[in-house]
Amino acid sequence: MGENNLKNSAFNATALRKIKTDLLIKKDQIMKDLTDLARKDSHETDNRTTAFPEYGDKPDENAQEISEYSANIVTEKVLEDSLEDIESALKRIEKGTYGICKYCQKPISAKRLQARPTASSCVACKTELQAE
């Protein structure tokens, strides 16, 4: 299908190309950020794990290591979730279904897509799901 068959008339081809470019730039940055956080680990399936900082053996240094490691784990999860959302949005662009709600099949508003380019549902469906 591709970009030319986009069902959401709220976005023209130029706007869609801009969104795709922005998503690809963000994807590259997230990949870099994940690489910066991680170290190689042959025991992990993706050969990557969050690096554990080493500051020393004193109790305050150990506490700082644990605190930083915990923060890095949370950051890594947020980055991985963002990466998954971006890849999903890029797939929808390629299939020509970007901008269509996955629940009600109606167009997602241009305002919502500008605010959250990875959105896969309209505001009404998202609101209903969150209420449940």
Protein backbone atom coordinates (compact mmCIF):
# COMPACT_ATOMS: atom_id res chain seq x y z
CA MET A 1 0.00 0.00 0.00
CA GLY A 2 2.63 2.54 1.08
CA GLU A 3 2.40 6.24 1.87
CA ASN A 4 0.28 7.13 -1.17
CA ASN A 5 -2.67 5.03 0.00
CA LEU A 6 -2.91 6.58 3.46
CA LYS A 7 -6.53 6.43 4.49
CA ASN A 8 -6.29 9.40 6.89
CA SER A 9 -6.96 12.47 4.79
CA ALA A 10 -5.75 14.67 7.68
CA PHE A 11 -2.18 13.97 6.57
CA ASN A 12 -0.85 14.62 3.12
CA ALA A 13 2.22 12.90 1.69
CA THR A 14 4.54 15.75 2.70
CA ALA A 15 3.40 15.66 6.33
CA LEU A 16 3.69 11.89 6.38
CA ARG A 17 7.27 12.02 5.03
CA LYS A 18 8.14 14.54 7.76
CA ILE A 19 6.67 12.28 10.44
CA LYS A 20 8.55 9.29 9.04
CA THR A 21 11.82 11.24 8.97
CA ASP A 22 11.28 12.44 12.54
CA LEU A 23 10.52 8.89 13.70
CA LEU A 24 13.68 7.56 12.03
CA ILE A 25 15.79 10.28 13.68
CA LYS A 26 14.24 9.49 17.06
CA LYS A 27 14.81 5.76 16.48
CA ASP A 28 18.50 6.35 15.75
CA GLN A 29 18.85 8.45 18.92
CA ILE A 30 17.16 5.79 21.05
CA MET A 31 19.44 3.11 19.60
CA LYS A 32 22.45 5.26 20.51
CA ASP A 33 21.09 5.87 24.02
CA LEU A 34 20.51 2.14 24.53
CA THR A 35 24.04 1.38 23.36
CA ASP A 36 25.41 3.96 25.78
CA LEU A 37 23.51 2.35 28.68
CA ALA A 38 24.38 -1.23 27.84
CA ARG A 39 27.34 -3.53 27.85
CA LYS A 40 27.82 -6.80 26.01
CA ASP A 41 26.60 -9.89 27.87
CA SER A 42 26.75 -13.31 26.26
CA HIS A 43 24.14 -14.61 28.73
CA GLU A 44 21.43 -12.26 27.46
CA THR A 45 19.39 -13.18 24.36
CA ASP A 46 20.00 -9.80 22.73
CA ASN A 47 23.65 -9.85 23.87
CA ARG A 48 23.09 -6.60 25.77
CA THR A 49 22.39 -5.71 29.36
CA THR A 50 22.47 -2.54 31.40
CA ALA A 51 25.98 -1.93 32.67
CA PHE A 52 26.42 -1.98 36.44
CA PRO A 53 28.46 1.03 37.58
CA GLU A 54 31.55 0.39 39.71
CA TYR A 55 32.50 3.25 42.05
CA GLY A 56 34.23 1.36 44.84
CA ASP A 57 33.60 -0.81 47.89
CA LYS A 58 32.52 1.77 50.46
CA PRO A 59 28.87 1.62 51.59
CA ASP A 60 28.03 5.03 50.11
CA GLU A 61 29.66 4.04 46.81
CA ASN A 62 27.69 0.77 46.78
CA ALA A 63 24.45 2.66 47.45
CA GLN A 64 25.23 5.04 44.61
CA GLU A 65 25.97 2.10 42.29
CA ILE A 66 22.65 0.46 43.10
CA SER A 67 20.74 3.71 42.74
CA GLU A 68 22.28 4.49 39.35
CA TYR A 69 21.80 0.90 38.13
CA SER A 70 18.11 0.98 39.14
CA ALA A 71 17.61 4.29 37.33
CA ASN A 72 19.37 2.89 34.24
CA ILE A 73 17.11 -0.19 34.22
CA VAL A 74 14.02 2.04 34.25
CA THR A 75 15.51 4.28 31.54
CA GLU A 76 16.35 1.26 29.41
CA LYS A 77 12.75 -0.03 29.68
CA VAL A 78 11.33 3.37 28.70
CA LEU A 79 13.70 3.57 25.72
CA GLU A 80 12.84 0.03 24.60
CA ASP A 81 9.11 0.77 24.84
CA SER A 82 9.59 3.98 22.84
CA LEU A 83 11.59 2.08 20.23
CA GLU A 84 8.82 -0.51 19.93
CA ASP A 85 6.22 2.26 19.45
CA ILE A 86 8.35 3.92 16.77
CA GLU A 87 8.92 0.67 14.89
CA SER A 88 5.20 -0.05 15.02
CA ALA A 89 4.37 3.42 13.65
CA LEU A 90 6.93 3.00 10.84
CA LYS A 91 5.34 -0.34 9.91
CA ARG A 92 1.90 1.31 9.78
CA ILE A 93 3.30 4.01 7.50
CA GLU A 94 4.72 1.37 5.16
CA LYS A 95 1.44 -0.59 5.15
CA GLY A 96 -0.61 2.56 4.57
CA THR A 97 -2.55 2.22 7.83
CA TYR A 98 -0.84 5.03 9.73
CA GLY A 99 -3.34 7.44 11.23
CA ILE A 100 -6.14 4.86 11.43
CA CYS A 101 -7.34 3.76 14.88
CA LYS A 102 -6.60 0.09 15.44
CA TYR A 103 -9.84 -0.30 17.43
CA CYS A 104 -12.55 1.61 15.56
CA GLN A 105 -10.80 1.94 12.17
CA LYS A 106 -11.60 5.68 12.05
CA PRO A 107 -8.99 8.36 11.32
CA ILE A 108 -6.92 9.56 14.27
CA SER A 109 -7.03 13.36 14.49
CA ALA A 110 -4.10 15.25 13.00
CA LYS A 111 -3.73 17.11 16.30
CA ARG A 112 -3.23 13.83 18.20
CA LEU A 113 -0.73 12.52 15.65
CA GLN A 114 1.23 15.76 15.81
CA ALA A 115 1.35 15.52 19.60
CA ARG A 116 2.09 11.77 19.62
CA PRO A 117 3.27 10.51 16.22
CA THR A 118 3.35 6.91 17.47
CA ALA A 119 -0.35 6.90 18.44
CA SER A 120 -2.20 3.85 17.15
CA SER A 121 -5.62 4.73 18.55
CA CYS A 122 -7.93 7.70 18.49
CA VAL A 123 -8.58 9.74 21.63
CA ALA A 124 -12.06 8.26 22.12
CA CYS A 125 -10.84 4.64 22.03
CA LYS A 126 -7.80 5.41 24.20
CA THR A 127 -10.00 7.17 26.76
CA GLU A 128 -12.41 4.24 26.81
CA LEU A 129 -9.59 1.72 27.27
CA GLN A 130 -8.07 3.71 30.13
CA ALA A 131 -11.45 3.93 31.85
CA GLU A 132 -11.86 0.14 31.87
